[in-house]
Amino acid sequence: MSEFEAVTRPTPESDAELAFEGALRPRSLAEFVGQAKVRGQLQLLLDAAALQNRTPDHILLAGPPGLGKTTLAMIVAHESGRPLRMSSGPAIQHAGDLAAILSSLVPGEVLFIDEIHRMARSAEEMLYLAMEDFRIDIMVGKGAGATSIPLDLAPFTLVGATTRSGLLPNPLRDRFGFTAHLEFYDDGELERVLDRAAQLLELDIPADARHEIASRSRGTPRIANRLLRRVRDFALVHGADRGRAALEHVNAALELYDVDPIGLDRLDRAVLDTIVRRFDGGPVGLSTLAVSVGEEAETIESVVEPFLVRIGLLSRTPRGRVATRQAWSHLGVARPEAGVLFDDDV
């Protein structure tokens, strides 16, 4: 995937982007933009825990990448006045890895595990007892001579984040006291995100320019902030006033980075164009589609398809992928009435 295509991907591009995100992160629920329902639920949970002088219930944050799960975990620790320990599911590949983390927690500490659905199964099973009773059993030795040593843990709050909550086993999911489902942002919320980020970046950007960026950000704050950086760079290099980014700078910068008016990038358009022009709108199988556009099937399925399906340009059928009427219209291609199977469905 090229640098231009990465502009509209909801995952972080680099360590530099992670540092940039960290500088823009809100520090409290009051500063957090969007997710009003989740914010209200979290505020109630934290306030109740504070009044009872106990650790908050374990929290599961579920939703697509880039919507603020890590930020909310940091806010939970900050608002409850507790230290934060951060880890990730792929880093915990053995029960011993998890035991080392849990045994070093201080009372009341918040443990954040990103991509918790990718944690090793043996570690998941150890987590069941730790979440319920704040203790773990460590096995010493092997075979008939093995013994179990109980180890008491300090009370802690686990905050798990997942982009695929369906992959979590039911026993683990049921042990979370609260599950927050994060939704995509509307354009108005993204404009508020951009306004806050622009102030922190000391960038003067008018409302029409913010609206244009928001409308191309796929409902994701991470993408909105990334596009804002690209616009700032363009205005810095090509603008007369280096501290200001006008609407023409936004349009020119996003055209340079191949982001079209609804947020599609080159790979998105290549997938749609292949289905429409080469396969008469489909259906076409995933492997055939991947070969046609020169990408891995996993990239098409996990990176490109979700957004195209969400905005109604692509549909999945048992026979393959099918371009919808909106896709033909967006590409400006006339749709033959007899050329598409299952016309009523698409």
Protein backbone atom coordinates (compact mmCIF):
# COMPACT_ATOMS: atom_id res chain seq x y z
CA MET A 1 0.00 0.00 0.00
CA SER A 2 1.39 3.38 -1.01
CA GLU A 3 1.84 6.41 1.27
CA PHE A 4 -1.06 8.16 -0.48
CA GLU A 5 -3.42 5.23 0.14
CA ALA A 6 -2.43 5.09 3.81
CA VAL A 7 -3.87 8.58 4.31
CA THR A 8 -7.42 7.21 4.57
CA ARG A 9 -6.65 4.09 6.60
CA PRO A 10 -7.96 4.09 10.20
CA THR A 11 -4.82 2.49 11.67
CA PRO A 12 -1.78 4.61 12.72
CA GLU A 13 0.81 5.19 9.99
CA SER A 14 3.90 5.46 12.19
CA ASP A 15 5.32 6.21 15.64
CA ALA A 16 5.35 9.89 14.66
CA GLU A 17 1.60 9.77 14.11
CA LEU A 18 1.10 8.06 17.46
CA ALA A 19 3.04 10.90 19.09
CA PHE A 20 0.93 13.44 17.21
CA GLU A 21 -2.26 11.71 18.36
CA GLY A 22 -0.98 11.71 21.92
CA ALA A 23 -0.52 15.47 21.84
CA LEU A 24 -4.10 15.96 20.62
CA ARG A 25 -5.79 13.50 22.99
CA PRO A 26 -8.39 15.01 25.34
CA ARG A 27 -7.61 14.56 29.02
CA SER A 28 -11.17 14.28 30.35
CA LEU A 29 -14.64 13.13 29.32
CA ALA A 30 -15.71 16.78 29.16
CA GLU A 31 -13.08 17.46 26.48
CA PHE A 32 -13.87 14.28 24.54
CA VAL A 33 -15.87 15.05 21.38
CA GLY A 34 -18.63 12.71 20.18
CA GLN A 35 -19.81 9.35 21.58
CA ALA A 36 -22.26 11.19 23.85
CA LYS A 37 -24.01 8.03 25.04
CA VAL A 38 -20.77 6.23 25.88
CA ARG A 39 -19.42 9.32 27.66
CA GLY A 40 -22.54 9.51 29.82
CA GLN A 41 -22.35 5.82 30.69
CA LEU A 42 -18.65 6.02 31.57
CA GLN A 43 -19.15 9.16 33.66
CA LEU A 44 -21.85 7.42 35.71
CA LEU A 45 -19.69 4.33 36.21
CA LEU A 46 -16.66 6.36 37.34
CA ASP A 47 -18.66 8.67 39.61
CA ALA A 48 -20.36 5.72 41.31
CA ALA A 49 -17.02 3.99 41.88
CA ALA A 50 -15.56 7.19 43.36
CA LEU A 51 -18.50 7.63 45.76
CA GLN A 52 -18.12 4.04 46.96
CA ASN A 53 -14.32 4.32 47.17
CA ARG A 54 -13.77 1.23 45.01
CA THR A 55 -12.16 0.39 41.69
CA PRO A 56 -14.47 0.83 38.67
CA ASP A 57 -15.90 -2.26 37.00
CA HIS A 58 -13.97 -3.83 34.14
CA ILE A 59 -14.69 -2.05 30.84
CA LEU A 60 -14.75 -3.39 27.27
CA LEU A 61 -14.47 -0.82 24.47
CA ALA A 62 -15.63 -2.23 21.13
CA GLY A 63 -15.58 -0.51 17.77
CA PRO A 64 -13.66 0.07 14.52
CA PRO A 65 -10.11 1.52 14.58
CA GLY A 66 -9.58 5.23 15.08
CA LEU A 67 -12.70 6.10 17.10
CA GLY A 68 -11.04 6.79 20.46
CA LYS A 69 -10.82 3.52 22.40
CA THR A 70 -7.26 4.16 23.61
CA THR A 71 -8.12 7.76 24.47
CA LEU A 72 -11.10 6.66 26.56
CA ALA A 73 -8.91 4.16 28.43
CA MET A 74 -6.49 6.98 29.30
CA ILE A 75 -9.40 9.16 30.40
CA VAL A 76 -10.72 6.39 32.68
CA ALA A 77 -7.35 6.29 34.46
CA HIS A 78 -7.05 10.09 34.61
CA GLU A 79 -10.58 10.72 35.89
CA SER A 80 -10.33 8.00 38.53
CA GLY A 81 -6.91 9.29 39.61
CA ARG A 82 -5.24 5.92 39.04
CA PRO A 83 -2.02 4.93 37.26
CA LEU A 84 -2.32 3.36 33.82
CA ARG A 85 -0.54 0.24 32.54
CA MET A 86 -0.76 -0.39 28.80
CA SER A 87 -0.27 -3.62 26.87
CA SER A 88 -1.71 -5.36 23.82
CA GLY A 89 -3.18 -8.74 22.98
CA PRO A 90 -0.46 -9.78 20.49
CA ALA A 91 2.22 -9.06 23.14
CA ILE A 92 0.64 -11.52 25.59
CA GLN A 93 1.36 -14.87 23.98
CA HIS A 94 1.78 -16.97 27.14
CA ALA A 95 0.05 -17.16 30.51
CA GLY A 96 3.37 -16.23 32.10
CA ASP A 97 3.39 -12.90 30.23
CA LEU A 98 0.02 -12.01 31.72
CA ALA A 99 1.00 -13.27 35.19
CA ALA A 100 4.04 -10.96 35.18
CA ILE A 101 1.85 -7.96 34.33
CA LEU A 102 -0.91 -8.76 36.82
CA SER A 103 1.43 -9.50 39.73
CA SER A 104 3.14 -6.11 39.34
CA LEU A 105 -0.05 -4.01 39.43
CA VAL A 106 -0.52 -1.61 42.32
CA PRO A 107 -3.93 -1.28 44.07
CA GLY A 108 -6.47 0.51 41.90
CA GLU A 109 -4.29 0.52 38.77
CA VAL A 110 -5.98 0.57 35.36
CA LEU A 111 -4.72 -2.12 32.98
CA PHE A 112 -5.41 -1.37 29.31
CA ILE A 113 -5.11 -4.25 26.84
CA ASP A 114 -5.51 -3.22 23.20
CA GLU A 115 -6.72 -5.78 20.65
CA ILE A 116 -7.65 -8.05 23.54
CA HIS A 117 -9.22 -10.59 21.16
CA ARG A 118 -5.71 -11.47 19.90
CA MET A 119 -4.47 -12.59 23.31
CA ALA A 120 -3.34 -16.22 23.70
CA ARG A 121 -6.04 -18.63 24.86
CA SER A 122 -4.02 -19.74 27.89
CA ALA A 123 -3.73 -16.10 28.99
CA GLU A 124 -7.48 -15.58 28.49
CA GLU A 125 -8.24 -18.46 30.84
CA MET A 126 -5.95 -17.00 33.49
CA LEU A 127 -7.70 -13.66 33.10
CA TYR A 128 -11.10 -15.17 34.03
CA LEU A 129 -10.10 -15.76 37.66
CA ALA A 130 -8.08 -12.54 37.87
CA MET A 131 -11.06 -10.41 36.80
CA GLU A 132 -13.52 -12.05 39.18
CA ASP A 133 -11.53 -12.84 42.32
CA PHE A 134 -8.32 -10.80 41.87
CA ARG A 135 -6.12 -13.87 42.12
CA ILE A 136 -4.39 -16.27 39.76
CA ASP A 137 -3.12 -19.83 40.06
CA ILE A 138 0.43 -20.39 38.83
CA MET A 139 1.37 -23.93 37.85
CA VAL A 140 4.85 -25.03 38.90
CA GLY A 141 6.34 -28.19 37.41
CA LYS A 142 4.91 -30.63 34.89
CA GLY A 143 3.04 -33.90 34.89
CA ALA A 144 2.05 -35.67 38.10
CA GLY A 145 4.40 -33.55 40.18
CA ALA A 146 2.93 -30.22 39.10
CA THR A 147 1.54 -28.00 41.85
CA SER A 148 -0.67 -24.93 41.79
CA ILE A 149 0.39 -21.85 43.73
CA PRO A 150 -2.38 -19.27 44.37
CA LEU A 151 -1.27 -15.66 44.05
CA ASP A 152 -3.43 -12.79 45.33
CA LEU A 153 -3.58 -9.67 43.17
CA ALA A 154 -4.19 -6.04 44.01
CA PRO A 155 -7.67 -4.84 42.95
CA PHE A 156 -7.47 -3.40 39.44
CA THR A 157 -9.67 -2.27 36.57
CA LEU A 158 -9.21 -3.96 33.21
CA VAL A 159 -10.03 -1.87 30.16
CA GLY A 160 -10.05 -4.03 27.04
CA ALA A 161 -10.27 -2.65 23.50
CA THR A 162 -11.27 -4.72 20.50
CA THR A 163 -12.13 -4.10 16.87
CA ARG A 164 -13.75 -7.55 16.61
CA SER A 165 -15.79 -8.25 19.71
CA GLY A 166 -17.30 -11.34 18.09
CA LEU A 167 -13.93 -13.09 18.42
CA LEU A 168 -13.95 -12.75 22.21
CA PRO A 169 -15.00 -15.94 24.01
CA ASN A 170 -18.26 -15.60 25.93
CA PRO A 171 -16.71 -16.29 29.38
CA LEU A 172 -14.33 -13.35 28.89
CA ARG A 173 -16.96 -11.01 27.47
CA ASP A 174 -19.35 -11.77 30.34
CA ARG A 175 -16.79 -10.74 32.96
CA PHE A 176 -16.75 -7.13 31.82
CA GLY A 177 -19.10 -5.04 33.94
CA PHE A 178 -19.66 -2.54 31.14
CA THR A 179 -19.35 -2.82 27.36
CA ALA A 180 -19.19 0.38 25.30
CA HIS A 181 -19.94 0.20 21.58
CA LEU A 182 -18.30 3.13 19.77
CA GLU A 183 -20.05 4.47 16.67
CA PHE A 184 -18.73 6.33 13.64
CA TYR A 185 -18.82 10.13 13.93
CA ASP A 186 -21.07 12.41 11.91
CA ASP A 187 -19.65 15.40 10.02
CA GLY A 188 -20.63 17.88 12.72
CA GLU A 189 -18.73 15.97 15.41
CA LEU A 190 -15.69 15.64 13.14
CA GLU A 191 -15.73 19.39 12.54
CA ARG A 192 -15.51 19.91 16.31
CA VAL A 193 -12.60 17.44 16.44
CA LEU A 194 -10.86 19.36 13.64
CA ASP A 195 -11.54 22.72 15.29
CA ARG A 196 -9.92 21.54 18.52
CA ALA A 197 -6.95 20.00 16.68
CA ALA A 198 -6.45 23.14 14.57
CA GLN A 199 -6.33 25.29 17.71
CA LEU A 200 -3.69 23.02 19.24
CA LEU A 201 -1.72 23.16 15.97
CA GLU A 202 -2.15 26.97 15.81
CA LEU A 203 -3.68 26.62 12.35
CA ASP A 204 -6.34 29.04 11.17
CA ILE A 205 -8.83 27.03 9.12
CA PRO A 206 -12.31 28.38 8.22
CA ALA A 207 -15.55 26.47 8.76
CA ASP A 208 -16.02 25.55 5.08
CA ALA A 209 -12.53 24.02 4.96
CA ARG A 210 -13.18 22.03 8.15
CA HIS A 211 -16.47 20.79 6.72
CA GLU A 212 -14.73 19.61 3.54
CA ILE A 213 -12.14 17.63 5.51
CA ALA A 214 -14.83 16.15 7.77
CA SER A 215 -16.91 14.99 4.81
CA ARG A 216 -13.93 13.01 3.46
CA SER A 217 -12.83 11.46 6.77
CA ARG A 218 -14.97 8.28 6.73
CA GLY A 219 -16.53 9.15 10.08
CA THR A 220 -13.20 8.55 11.85
CA PRO A 221 -11.37 11.16 13.98
CA ARG A 222 -7.96 9.58 13.33
CA ILE A 223 -8.41 10.02 9.58
CA ALA A 224 -9.71 13.58 10.09
CA ASN A 225 -6.62 14.54 12.10
CA ARG A 226 -4.37 12.90 9.51
CA LEU A 227 -5.99 14.79 6.63
CA LEU A 228 -5.69 18.00 8.64
CA ARG A 229 -1.94 17.40 8.90
CA ARG A 230 -1.69 16.92 5.14
CA VAL A 231 -3.66 20.13 4.55
CA ARG A 232 -1.44 21.99 7.01
CA ASP A 233 1.67 20.73 5.19
CA PHE A 234 0.23 21.82 1.83
CA ALA A 235 -0.66 25.28 3.14
CA LEU A 236 2.79 25.59 4.72
CA VAL A 237 4.54 24.84 1.42
CA HIS A 238 2.18 26.48 -1.09
CA GLY A 239 0.16 29.03 0.87
CA ALA A 240 0.82 32.75 1.08
CA ASP A 241 -0.09 32.81 4.78
CA ARG A 242 1.61 29.83 6.41
CA GLY A 243 -0.66 29.89 9.45
CA ARG A 244 -3.88 29.64 7.44
CA ALA A 245 -5.43 26.85 5.35
CA ALA A 246 -8.29 27.89 3.08
CA LEU A 247 -10.79 25.72 1.21
CA GLU A 248 -8.66 25.77 -1.94
CA HIS A 249 -5.74 24.35 0.05
CA VAL A 250 -7.97 21.52 1.32
CA ASN A 251 -9.20 20.63 -2.16
CA ALA A 252 -5.71 20.79 -3.66
CA ALA A 253 -4.09 18.75 -0.87
CA LEU A 254 -6.74 16.01 -0.90
CA GLU A 255 -6.63 15.84 -4.69
CA LEU A 256 -2.86 15.39 -4.45
CA TYR A 257 -3.37 12.51 -2.00
CA ASP A 258 -6.10 10.89 -4.15
CA VAL A 259 -8.90 11.37 -1.62
CA ASP A 260 -12.14 11.92 -3.53
CA PRO A 261 -15.24 13.89 -2.34
CA ILE A 262 -16.68 10.96 -0.36
CA GLY A 263 -13.36 9.78 1.10
CA LEU A 264 -12.42 7.02 -1.35
CA ASP A 265 -8.71 6.57 -2.17
CA ARG A 266 -7.02 4.99 -5.18
CA LEU A 267 -7.41 1.40 -3.96
CA ASP A 268 -11.09 1.87 -3.11
CA ARG A 269 -11.78 3.24 -6.58
CA ALA A 270 -9.70 0.49 -8.20
CA VAL A 271 -11.83 -2.18 -6.50
CA LEU A 272 -15.07 -0.52 -7.59
CA ASP A 273 -13.80 0.15 -11.10
CA THR A 274 -12.70 -3.47 -11.50
CA ILE A 275 -16.08 -4.84 -10.42
CA VAL A 276 -18.04 -2.39 -12.59
CA ARG A 277 -15.95 -2.28 -15.77
CA ARG A 278 -14.33 -5.72 -15.93
CA PHE A 279 -17.05 -7.84 -14.35
CA ASP A 280 -20.20 -5.89 -15.31
CA GLY A 281 -20.98 -5.10 -11.70
CA GLY A 282 -20.40 -8.60 -10.34
CA PRO A 283 -20.77 -10.92 -8.62
CA VAL A 284 -17.02 -11.54 -8.48
CA GLY A 285 -15.08 -13.68 -6.00
CA LEU A 286 -12.67 -12.19 -3.49
CA SER A 287 -9.57 -13.99 -4.80
CA THR A 288 -10.36 -12.98 -8.40
CA LEU A 289 -10.90 -9.39 -7.30
CA ALA A 290 -7.60 -9.35 -5.36
CA VAL A 291 -5.64 -10.61 -8.37
CA SER A 292 -7.33 -8.06 -10.64
CA VAL A 293 -6.32 -5.07 -8.51
CA GLY A 294 -2.91 -6.46 -7.50
CA GLU A 295 -3.55 -6.61 -3.73
CA GLU A 296 -3.77 -9.34 -1.12
CA ALA A 297 -7.23 -10.79 -0.54
CA GLU A 298 -6.92 -10.00 3.18
CA THR A 299 -6.27 -6.33 2.39
CA ILE A 300 -9.37 -6.15 0.22
CA GLU A 301 -11.53 -7.89 2.81
CA SER A 302 -10.35 -6.15 5.99
CA VAL A 303 -9.27 -2.70 4.74
CA VAL A 304 -11.28 -1.79 1.64
CA GLU A 305 -14.59 -3.63 1.87
CA PRO A 306 -15.90 -2.44 5.27
CA PHE A 307 -16.10 1.20 4.22
CA LEU A 308 -17.50 0.45 0.74
CA VAL A 309 -20.20 -1.76 2.27
CA ARG A 310 -20.98 0.79 5.00
CA ILE A 311 -21.64 3.63 2.53
CA GLY A 312 -23.63 1.40 0.18
CA LEU A 313 -21.26 1.13 -2.79
CA LEU A 314 -20.64 -2.61 -2.44
CA SER A 315 -22.67 -5.58 -1.29
CA ARG A 316 -21.56 -9.07 -0.32
CA THR A 317 -23.52 -12.03 -1.65
CA PRO A 318 -22.93 -15.80 -1.45
CA ARG A 319 -21.73 -15.65 -5.07
CA GLY A 320 -19.30 -12.77 -4.58
CA ARG A 321 -19.03 -8.99 -4.42
CA VAL A 322 -21.58 -6.88 -6.30
CA ALA A 323 -21.43 -3.16 -7.11
CA THR A 324 -24.60 -1.28 -6.16
CA ARG A 325 -26.40 1.40 -8.16
CA GLN A 326 -24.60 4.07 -6.13
CA ALA A 327 -21.23 2.63 -7.20
CA TRP A 328 -22.13 2.86 -10.90
CA SER A 329 -23.34 6.42 -10.36
CA HIS A 330 -20.22 7.44 -8.39
CA LEU A 331 -17.95 6.18 -11.17
CA GLY A 332 -20.08 7.89 -13.80
CA VAL A 333 -20.73 4.65 -15.70
CA ALA A 334 -24.11 3.85 -17.24
CA ARG A 335 -25.58 0.72 -15.67
CA PRO A 336 -27.01 -1.78 -18.19
CA GLU A 337 -30.41 -2.96 -17.00
CA ALA A 338 -29.87 -6.57 -18.08
CA GLY A 339 -26.24 -6.78 -17.01
CA VAL A 340 -26.64 -7.24 -13.28
CA LEU A 341 -27.92 -10.36 -11.55
CA PHE A 342 -30.40 -10.09 -8.69
CA ASP A 343 -31.33 -6.54 -9.70
CA ASP A 344 -33.85 -6.14 -6.88
CA ASP A 345 -31.19 -6.85 -4.25
CA VAL A 346 -28.67 -4.23 -5.30
